[in-house]
PDB file of all heavy atoms in Angstrom:
ATOM      1  N   ASP A   1     109.609 142.268 120.329  1.00  0.00           N
ATOM      2  CA  ASP A   1     110.010 142.173 121.654  1.00  0.00           C
ATOM      3  C   ASP A   1     110.775 140.760 121.833  1.00  0.00           C
ATOM      4  O   ASP A   1     110.044 139.690 121.816  1.00  0.00           O
ATOM      5  CB  ASP A   1     108.854 142.206 122.606  1.00  0.00           C
ATOM      6  CG  ASP A   1     109.174 142.263 124.020  1.00  0.00           C
ATOM      7  OD1 ASP A   1     110.356 142.493 124.365  1.00  0.00           O
ATOM      8  OD2 ASP A   1     108.329 142.130 124.849  1.00  0.00           O
ATOM      9  N   VAL A   2     112.073 140.762 121.927  1.00  0.00           N
ATOM     10  CA  VAL A   2     112.715 139.665 122.057  1.00  0.00           C
ATOM     11  C   VAL A   2     112.967 139.215 123.526  1.00  0.00           C
ATOM     12  O   VAL A   2     113.430 140.012 124.381  1.00  0.00           O
ATOM     13  CB  VAL A   2     114.234 139.770 121.483  1.00  0.00           C
ATOM     14  CG1 VAL A   2     115.032 138.474 121.580  1.00  0.00           C
ATOM     15  CG2 VAL A   2     114.098 140.206 120.049  1.00  0.00           C
ATOM     16  N   PRO A   3     112.411 138.071 123.961  1.00  0.00           N
ATOM     17  CA  PRO A   3     112.467 137.723 125.467  1.00  0.00           C
ATOM     18  C   PRO A   3     113.623 137.046 125.994  1.00  0.00           C
ATOM     19  O   PRO A   3     113.702 136.626 127.117  1.00  0.00           O
ATOM     20  CB  PRO A   3     111.210 136.716 125.600  1.00  0.00           C
ATOM     21  CG  PRO A   3     111.180 136.093 124.172  1.00  0.00           C
ATOM     22  CD  PRO A   3     111.697 137.155 123.223  1.00  0.00           C
ATOM     23  N   PHE A   4     114.744 137.056 125.277  1.00  0.00           N
ATOM     24  CA  PHE A   4     115.921 136.446 125.674  1.00  0.00           C
ATOM     25  C   PHE A   4     117.195 137.341 125.114  1.00  0.00           C
ATOM     26  O   PHE A   4     117.053 138.088 124.175  1.00  0.00           O
ATOM     27  CB  PHE A   4     116.022 135.036 125.266  1.00  0.00           C
ATOM     28  CG  PHE A   4     115.576 134.813 123.791  1.00  0.00           C
ATOM     29  CD1 PHE A   4     116.476 135.088 122.721  1.00  0.00           C
ATOM     30  CD2 PHE A   4     114.346 134.290 123.477  1.00  0.00           C
ATOM     31  CE1 PHE A   4     116.066 134.971 121.450  1.00  0.00           C
ATOM     32  CE2 PHE A   4     113.924 134.131 122.192  1.00  0.00           C
ATOM     33  CZ  PHE A   4     114.781 134.535 121.139  1.00  0.00           C
ATOM     34  N   GLU A   5     118.426 137.103 125.789  1.00  0.00           N
ATOM     35  CA  GLU A   5     119.660 137.590 125.131  1.00  0.00           C
ATOM     36  C   GLU A   5     119.861 137.053 123.836  1.00  0.00           C
ATOM     37  O   GLU A   5     119.585 135.780 123.497  1.00  0.00           O
ATOM     38  CB  GLU A   5     120.717 137.419 126.070  1.00  0.00           C
ATOM     39  CG  GLU A   5     120.684 138.131 127.315  1.00  0.00           C
ATOM     40  CD  GLU A   5     122.065 137.962 128.126  1.00  0.00           C
ATOM     41  OE1 GLU A   5     123.071 137.495 127.635  1.00  0.00           O
ATOM     42  OE2 GLU A   5     121.913 138.298 129.370  1.00  0.00           O
ATOM     43  N   PHE A   6     120.473 137.772 122.897  1.00  0.00           N
ATOM     44  CA  PHE A   6     120.769 137.230 121.574  1.00  0.00           C
ATOM     45  C   PHE A   6     121.903 138.032 120.881  1.00  0.00           C
ATOM     46  O   PHE A   6     122.264 139.069 121.506  1.00  0.00           O
ATOM     47  CB  PHE A   6     119.468 137.382 120.622  1.00  0.00           C
ATOM     48  CG  PHE A   6     119.095 138.758 120.328  1.00  0.00           C
ATOM     49  CD1 PHE A   6     119.427 139.357 119.118  1.00  0.00           C
ATOM     50  CD2 PHE A   6     118.396 139.526 121.317  1.00  0.00           C
ATOM     51  CE1 PHE A   6     119.117 140.642 118.827  1.00  0.00           C
ATOM     52  CE2 PHE A   6     118.040 140.868 120.932  1.00  0.00           C
ATOM     53  CZ  PHE A   6     118.352 141.427 119.783  1.00  0.00           C
ATOM     54  N   SER A   7     122.408 137.438 119.731  1.00  0.00           N
ATOM     55  CA  SER A   7     123.498 138.244 119.118  1.00  0.00           C
ATOM     56  C   SER A   7     123.018 138.395 117.656  1.00  0.00           C
ATOM     57  O   SER A   7     122.251 137.669 117.076  1.00  0.00           O
ATOM     58  CB  SER A   7     124.712 137.369 119.125  1.00  0.00           C
ATOM     59  OG  SER A   7     124.597 136.166 118.544  1.00  0.00           O
ATOM     60  N   VAL A   8     123.611 139.508 117.047  1.00  0.00           N
ATOM     61  CA  VAL A   8     123.478 139.824 115.689  1.00  0.00           C
ATOM     62  C   VAL A   8     124.974 140.018 115.150  1.00  0.00           C
ATOM     63  O   VAL A   8     125.582 140.855 115.597  1.00  0.00           O
ATOM     64  CB  VAL A   8     122.640 141.042 115.426  1.00  0.00           C
ATOM     65  CG1 VAL A   8     122.690 141.505 113.936  1.00  0.00           C
ATOM     66  CG2 VAL A   8     121.264 140.916 115.860  1.00  0.00           C
ATOM     67  N   GLY A   9     125.480 139.070 114.360  1.00  0.00           N
ATOM     68  CA  GLY A   9     126.782 139.141 113.986  1.00  0.00           C
ATOM     69  C   GLY A   9     127.621 138.794 115.266  1.00  0.00           C
ATOM     70  O   GLY A   9     127.391 137.883 115.921  1.00  0.00           O
ATOM     71  N   LYS A  10     128.625 139.608 115.492  1.00  0.00           N
ATOM     72  CA  LYS A  10     129.421 139.458 116.664  1.00  0.00           C
ATOM     73  C   LYS A  10     128.968 140.213 117.965  1.00  0.00           C
ATOM     74  O   LYS A  10     129.677 140.212 118.944  1.00  0.00           O
ATOM     75  CB  LYS A  10     130.917 139.815 116.299  1.00  0.00           C
ATOM     76  CG  LYS A  10     131.485 138.906 115.250  1.00  0.00           C
ATOM     77  CD  LYS A  10     132.976 139.280 114.939  1.00  0.00           C
ATOM     78  CE  LYS A  10     133.433 138.319 113.931  1.00  0.00           C
ATOM     79  NZ  LYS A  10     134.778 138.554 113.547  1.00  0.00           N
ATOM     80  N   LYS A  11     127.930 140.951 117.817  1.00  0.00           N
ATOM     81  CA  LYS A  11     127.514 141.777 118.893  1.00  0.00           C
ATOM     82  C   LYS A  11     126.308 141.170 119.665  1.00  0.00           C
ATOM     83  O   LYS A  11     125.394 140.573 119.045  1.00  0.00           O
ATOM     84  CB  LYS A  11     127.070 143.176 118.421  1.00  0.00           C
ATOM     85  CG  LYS A  11     128.171 143.919 117.841  1.00  0.00           C
ATOM     86  CD  LYS A  11     127.749 145.351 117.401  1.00  0.00           C
ATOM     87  CE  LYS A  11     128.891 146.049 116.825  1.00  0.00           C
ATOM     88  NZ  LYS A  11     128.521 147.473 116.475  1.00  0.00           N
ATOM     89  N   ALA A  12     126.381 141.198 121.070  1.00  0.00           N
ATOM     90  CA  ALA A  12     125.344 140.729 121.864  1.00  0.00           C
ATOM     91  C   ALA A  12     124.457 141.658 122.382  1.00  0.00           C
ATOM     92  O   ALA A  12     124.827 142.815 122.673  1.00  0.00           O
ATOM     93  CB  ALA A  12     125.968 139.924 122.969  1.00  0.00           C
ATOM     94  N   PHE A  13     123.180 141.412 122.521  1.00  0.00           N
ATOM     95  CA  PHE A  13     122.106 142.316 122.997  1.00  0.00           C
ATOM     96  C   PHE A  13     121.237 141.714 124.078  1.00  0.00           C
ATOM     97  O   PHE A  13     120.961 140.477 124.077  1.00  0.00           O
ATOM     98  CB  PHE A  13     121.300 142.795 121.838  1.00  0.00           C
ATOM     99  CG  PHE A  13     122.043 143.526 120.730  1.00  0.00           C
ATOM    100  CD1 PHE A  13     122.464 142.697 119.610  1.00  0.00           C
ATOM    101  CD2 PHE A  13     122.487 144.758 120.799  1.00  0.00           C
ATOM    102  CE1 PHE A  13     123.298 143.315 118.642  1.00  0.00           C
ATOM    103  CE2 PHE A  13     123.227 145.409 119.852  1.00  0.00           C
ATOM    104  CZ  PHE A  13     123.547 144.637 118.760  1.00  0.00           C
ATOM    105  N   PRO A  14     120.815 142.561 125.120  1.00  0.00           N
ATOM    106  CA  PRO A  14     119.964 141.978 126.149  1.00  0.00           C
ATOM    107  C   PRO A  14     118.412 141.763 125.561  1.00  0.00           C
ATOM    108  O   PRO A  14     118.099 142.269 124.538  1.00  0.00           O
ATOM    109  CB  PRO A  14     119.994 143.004 127.205  1.00  0.00           C
ATOM    110  CG  PRO A  14     120.312 144.313 126.430  1.00  0.00           C
ATOM    111  CD  PRO A  14     121.144 143.906 125.259  1.00  0.00           C
ATOM    112  N   ALA A  15     117.726 140.988 126.303  1.00  0.00           N
ATOM    113  CA  ALA A  15     116.222 140.965 126.000  1.00  0.00           C
ATOM    114  C   ALA A  15     115.668 142.331 125.947  1.00  0.00           C
ATOM    115  O   ALA A  15     116.102 143.199 126.625  1.00  0.00           O
ATOM    116  CB  ALA A  15     115.589 140.049 126.993  1.00  0.00           C
ATOM    117  N   GLY A  16     114.645 142.582 125.076  1.00  0.00           N
ATOM    118  CA  GLY A  16     114.034 143.845 125.075  1.00  0.00           C
ATOM    119  C   GLY A  16     113.308 144.092 123.679  1.00  0.00           C
ATOM    120  O   GLY A  16     113.251 143.217 122.900  1.00  0.00           O
ATOM    121  N   GLU A  17     112.913 145.308 123.650  1.00  0.00           N
ATOM    122  CA  GLU A  17     112.150 145.774 122.396  1.00  0.00           C
ATOM    123  C   GLU A  17     113.202 146.288 121.398  1.00  0.00           C
ATOM    124  O   GLU A  17     114.048 147.039 121.772  1.00  0.00           O
ATOM    125  CB  GLU A  17     111.114 146.837 122.597  1.00  0.00           C
ATOM    126  CG  GLU A  17     109.878 146.241 123.328  1.00  0.00           C
ATOM    127  CD  GLU A  17     108.816 147.225 123.509  1.00  0.00           C
ATOM    128  OE1 GLU A  17     108.938 148.423 122.902  1.00  0.00           O
ATOM    129  OE2 GLU A  17     107.792 146.978 124.081  1.00  0.00           O
ATOM    130  N   TYR A  18     113.069 145.814 120.144  1.00  0.00           N
ATOM    131  CA  TYR A  18     114.066 146.301 119.047  1.00  0.00           C
ATOM    132  C   TYR A  18     113.186 146.572 117.842  1.00  0.00           C
ATOM    133  O   TYR A  18     111.974 146.048 117.628  1.00  0.00           O
ATOM    134  CB  TYR A  18     114.959 145.194 118.780  1.00  0.00           C
ATOM    135  CG  TYR A  18     115.942 144.983 119.938  1.00  0.00           C
ATOM    136  CD1 TYR A  18     115.657 143.913 120.855  1.00  0.00           C
ATOM    137  CD2 TYR A  18     117.045 145.723 120.052  1.00  0.00           C
ATOM    138  CE1 TYR A  18     116.571 143.824 122.043  1.00  0.00           C
ATOM    139  CE2 TYR A  18     117.997 145.443 121.053  1.00  0.00           C
ATOM    140  CZ  TYR A  18     117.674 144.649 122.058  1.00  0.00           C
ATOM    141  OH  TYR A  18     118.504 144.410 123.096  1.00  0.00           O
ATOM    142  N   VAL A  19     113.801 147.272 116.887  1.00  0.00           N
ATOM    143  CA  VAL A  19     113.202 147.535 115.532  1.00  0.00           C
ATOM    144  C   VAL A  19     114.272 147.113 114.491  1.00  0.00           C
ATOM    145  O   VAL A  19     115.432 147.488 114.700  1.00  0.00           O
ATOM    146  CB  VAL A  19     112.925 148.984 115.351  1.00  0.00           C
ATOM    147  CG1 VAL A  19     112.400 149.284 113.924  1.00  0.00           C
ATOM    148  CG2 VAL A  19     111.923 149.469 116.399  1.00  0.00           C
ATOM    149  N   VAL A  20     113.866 146.239 113.635  1.00  0.00           N
ATOM    150  CA  VAL A  20     114.684 145.822 112.541  1.00  0.00           C
ATOM    151  C   VAL A  20     114.302 146.659 111.230  1.00  0.00           C
ATOM    152  O   VAL A  20     113.066 146.656 110.845  1.00  0.00           O
ATOM    153  CB  VAL A  20     114.564 144.407 112.190  1.00  0.00           C
ATOM    154  CG1 VAL A  20     115.364 143.930 110.998  1.00  0.00           C
ATOM    155  CG2 VAL A  20     114.916 143.583 113.478  1.00  0.00           C
ATOM    156  N   VAL A  21     115.254 147.307 110.612  1.00  0.00           N
ATOM    157  CA  VAL A  21     114.966 148.240 109.431  1.00  0.00           C
ATOM    158  C   VAL A  21     115.841 147.878 108.254  1.00  0.00           C
ATOM    159  O   VAL A  21     117.024 147.575 108.403  1.00  0.00           O
ATOM    160  CB  VAL A  21     115.161 149.651 109.803  1.00  0.00           C
ATOM    161  CG1 VAL A  21     114.931 150.538 108.620  1.00  0.00           C
ATOM    162  CG2 VAL A  21     114.508 150.068 111.035  1.00  0.00           C
ATOM    163  N   GLN A  22     115.226 147.735 107.123  1.00  0.00           N
ATOM    164  CA  GLN A  22     115.987 147.465 105.918  1.00  0.00           C
ATOM    165  C   GLN A  22     116.635 148.904 105.438  1.00  0.00           C
ATOM    166  O   GLN A  22     115.791 149.848 105.239  1.00  0.00           O
ATOM    167  CB  GLN A  22     115.200 146.973 104.718  1.00  0.00           C
ATOM    168  CG  GLN A  22     115.913 146.797 103.457  1.00  0.00           C
ATOM    169  CD  GLN A  22     115.064 146.443 102.312  1.00  0.00           C
ATOM    170  OE1 GLN A  22     113.818 146.359 102.422  1.00  0.00           O
ATOM    171  NE2 GLN A  22     115.708 146.152 101.129  1.00  0.00           N
ATOM    172  N   VAL A  23     117.895 148.956 105.411  1.00  0.00           N
ATOM    173  CA  VAL A  23     118.559 150.128 105.086  1.00  0.00           C
ATOM    174  C   VAL A  23     119.167 150.238 103.643  1.00  0.00           C
ATOM    175  O   VAL A  23     119.441 151.294 103.136  1.00  0.00           O
ATOM    176  CB  VAL A  23     119.639 150.629 106.100  1.00  0.00           C
ATOM    177  CG1 VAL A  23     118.955 150.884 107.412  1.00  0.00           C
ATOM    178  CG2 VAL A  23     120.704 149.485 106.189  1.00  0.00           C
ATOM    179  N   ALA A  24     119.194 149.010 103.040  1.00  0.00           N
ATOM    180  CA  ALA A  24     119.690 148.839 101.667  1.00  0.00           C
ATOM    181  C   ALA A  24     119.260 147.580 101.185  1.00  0.00           C
ATOM    182  O   ALA A  24     118.658 146.713 102.017  1.00  0.00           O
ATOM    183  CB  ALA A  24     121.257 148.933 101.669  1.00  0.00           C
ATOM    184  N   PRO A  25     119.328 147.130  99.869  1.00  0.00           N
ATOM    185  CA  PRO A  25     118.688 145.906  99.442  1.00  0.00           C
ATOM    186  C   PRO A  25     119.061 144.629 100.219  1.00  0.00           C
ATOM    187  O   PRO A  25     118.220 143.849 100.399  1.00  0.00           O
ATOM    188  CB  PRO A  25     119.241 145.870  97.941  1.00  0.00           C
ATOM    189  CG  PRO A  25     119.330 147.273  97.637  1.00  0.00           C
ATOM    190  CD  PRO A  25     119.890 147.991  98.890  1.00  0.00           C
ATOM    191  N   HIS A  26     120.261 144.485 100.684  1.00  0.00           N
ATOM    192  CA  HIS A  26     120.633 143.255 101.414  1.00  0.00           C
ATOM    193  C   HIS A  26     121.244 143.673 102.716  1.00  0.00           C
ATOM    194  O   HIS A  26     122.126 142.952 103.237  1.00  0.00           O
ATOM    195  CB  HIS A  26     121.510 142.475 100.568  1.00  0.00           C
ATOM    196  CG  HIS A  26     120.997 141.886  99.279  1.00  0.00           C
ATOM    197  ND1 HIS A  26     120.110 140.886  99.256  1.00  0.00           N
ATOM    198  CD2 HIS A  26     121.149 142.249  97.961  1.00  0.00           C
ATOM    199  CE1 HIS A  26     119.736 140.653  98.141  1.00  0.00           C
ATOM    200  NE2 HIS A  26     120.386 141.502  97.370  1.00  0.00           N
ATOM    201  N   THR A  27     120.791 144.740 103.277  1.00  0.00           N
ATOM    202  CA  THR A  27     121.351 145.125 104.597  1.00  0.00           C
ATOM    203  C   THR A  27     120.266 145.564 105.490  1.00  0.00           C
ATOM    204  O   THR A  27     119.335 146.284 105.208  1.00  0.00           O
ATOM    205  CB  THR A  27     122.238 146.408 104.298  1.00  0.00           C
ATOM    206  OG1 THR A  27     123.180 146.137 103.310  1.00  0.00           O
ATOM    207  CG2 THR A  27     122.953 146.883 105.629  1.00  0.00           C
ATOM    208  N   LEU A  28     120.270 144.994 106.754  1.00  0.00           N
ATOM    209  CA  LEU A  28     119.338 145.304 107.813  1.00  0.00           C
ATOM    210  C   LEU A  28     120.078 146.012 108.924  1.00  0.00           C
ATOM    211  O   LEU A  28     121.253 145.740 109.199  1.00  0.00           O
ATOM    212  CB  LEU A  28     118.718 144.045 108.376  1.00  0.00           C
ATOM    213  CG  LEU A  28     117.828 143.170 107.402  1.00  0.00           C
ATOM    214  CD1 LEU A  28     117.460 142.005 108.042  1.00  0.00           C
ATOM    215  CD2 LEU A  28     116.801 144.041 106.864  1.00  0.00           C
ATOM    216  N   ALA A  29     119.423 146.918 109.613  1.00  0.00           N
ATOM    217  CA  ALA A  29     119.883 147.493 110.725  1.00  0.00           C
ATOM    218  C   ALA A  29     119.013 147.227 112.054  1.00  0.00           C
ATOM    219  O   ALA A  29     117.828 146.934 111.962  1.00  0.00           O
ATOM    220  CB  ALA A  29     119.901 149.086 110.651  1.00  0.00           C
ATOM    221  N   LEU A  30     119.696 147.069 113.210  1.00  0.00           N
ATOM    222  CA  LEU A  30     119.009 146.958 114.321  1.00  0.00           C
ATOM    223  C   LEU A  30     118.974 148.125 115.208  1.00  0.00           C
ATOM    224  O   LEU A  30     120.052 148.726 115.431  1.00  0.00           O
ATOM    225  CB  LEU A  30     119.658 145.683 115.178  1.00  0.00           C
ATOM    226  CG  LEU A  30     118.940 145.311 116.419  1.00  0.00           C
ATOM    227  CD1 LEU A  30     117.697 144.625 116.205  1.00  0.00           C
ATOM    228  CD2 LEU A  30     119.791 144.404 117.277  1.00  0.00           C
ATOM    229  N   ARG A  31     117.824 148.516 115.683  1.00  0.00           N
ATOM    230  CA  ARG A  31     117.787 149.667 116.502  1.00  0.00           C
ATOM    231  C   ARG A  31     117.047 149.388 117.861  1.00  0.00           C
ATOM    232  O   ARG A  31     116.162 148.395 117.851  1.00  0.00           O
ATOM    233  CB  ARG A  31     116.941 150.758 115.854  1.00  0.00           C
ATOM    234  CG  ARG A  31     117.642 151.235 114.537  1.00  0.00           C
ATOM    235  CD  ARG A  31     116.897 152.280 113.784  1.00  0.00           C
ATOM    236  NE  ARG A  31     117.612 152.639 112.626  1.00  0.00           N
ATOM    237  CZ  ARG A  31     117.303 153.671 111.845  1.00  0.00           C
ATOM    238  NH1 ARG A  31     116.255 154.412 112.122  1.00  0.00           N
ATOM    239  NH2 ARG A  31     117.962 153.926 110.771  1.00  0.00           N
ATOM    240  N   ASP A  32     117.271 150.222 118.861  1.00  0.00           N
ATOM    241  CA  ASP A  32     116.627 149.879 120.123  1.00  0.00           C
ATOM    242  C   ASP A  32     115.274 150.561 120.092  1.00  0.00           C
ATOM    243  O   ASP A  32     114.828 151.114 119.171  1.00  0.00           O
ATOM    244  CB  ASP A  32     117.446 150.289 121.235  1.00  0.00           C
ATOM    245  CG  ASP A  32     117.758 151.838 121.419  1.00  0.00           C
ATOM    246  OD1 ASP A  32     117.035 152.631 120.701  1.00  0.00           O
ATOM    247  OD2 ASP A  32     118.609 152.201 122.151  1.00  0.00           O
ATOM    248  N   SER A  33     114.518 150.483 121.330  1.00  0.00           N
ATOM    249  CA  SER A  33     113.122 150.897 121.300  1.00  0.00           C
ATOM    250  C   SER A  33     113.119 152.438 121.192  1.00  0.00           C
ATOM    251  O   SER A  33     112.094 152.984 120.884  1.00  0.00           O
ATOM    252  CB  SER A  33     112.532 150.458 122.669  1.00  0.00           C
ATOM    253  OG  SER A  33     113.212 150.990 123.728  1.00  0.00           O
ATOM    254  N   ASN A  34     114.282 153.176 121.450  1.00  0.00           N
ATOM    255  CA  ASN A  34     114.337 154.603 121.319  1.00  0.00           C
ATOM    256  C   ASN A  34     114.840 155.066 119.958  1.00  0.00           C
ATOM    257  O   ASN A  34     115.236 156.127 119.795  1.00  0.00           O
ATOM    258  CB  ASN A  34     115.183 155.201 122.392  1.00  0.00           C
ATOM    259  CG  ASN A  34     114.673 155.012 123.788  1.00  0.00           C
ATOM    260  OD1 ASN A  34     113.528 155.123 123.924  1.00  0.00           O
ATOM    261  ND2 ASN A  34     115.617 154.640 124.601  1.00  0.00           N
ATOM    262  N   ASP A  35     114.842 154.072 118.934  1.00  0.00           N
ATOM    263  CA  ASP A  35     115.375 154.313 117.552  1.00  0.00           C
ATOM    264  C   ASP A  35     116.822 154.618 117.474  1.00  0.00           C
ATOM    265  O   ASP A  35     117.196 155.265 116.469  1.00  0.00           O
ATOM    266  CB  ASP A  35     114.471 155.397 116.859  1.00  0.00           C
ATOM    267  CG  ASP A  35     114.436 155.165 115.412  1.00  0.00           C
ATOM    268  OD1 ASP A  35     114.523 154.019 114.879  1.00  0.00           O
ATOM    269  OD2 ASP A  35     114.412 156.188 114.722  1.00  0.00           O
TER     270      ASP A  35
END
């Protein structure tokens, strides 16, 4: 649960619940609370 706005790479996201998932050895995916 991120309590502030933030960016991942060049994309910005609002505060909220997120899921970080490893999708490959050196690759992570960001998903929202609805997956």
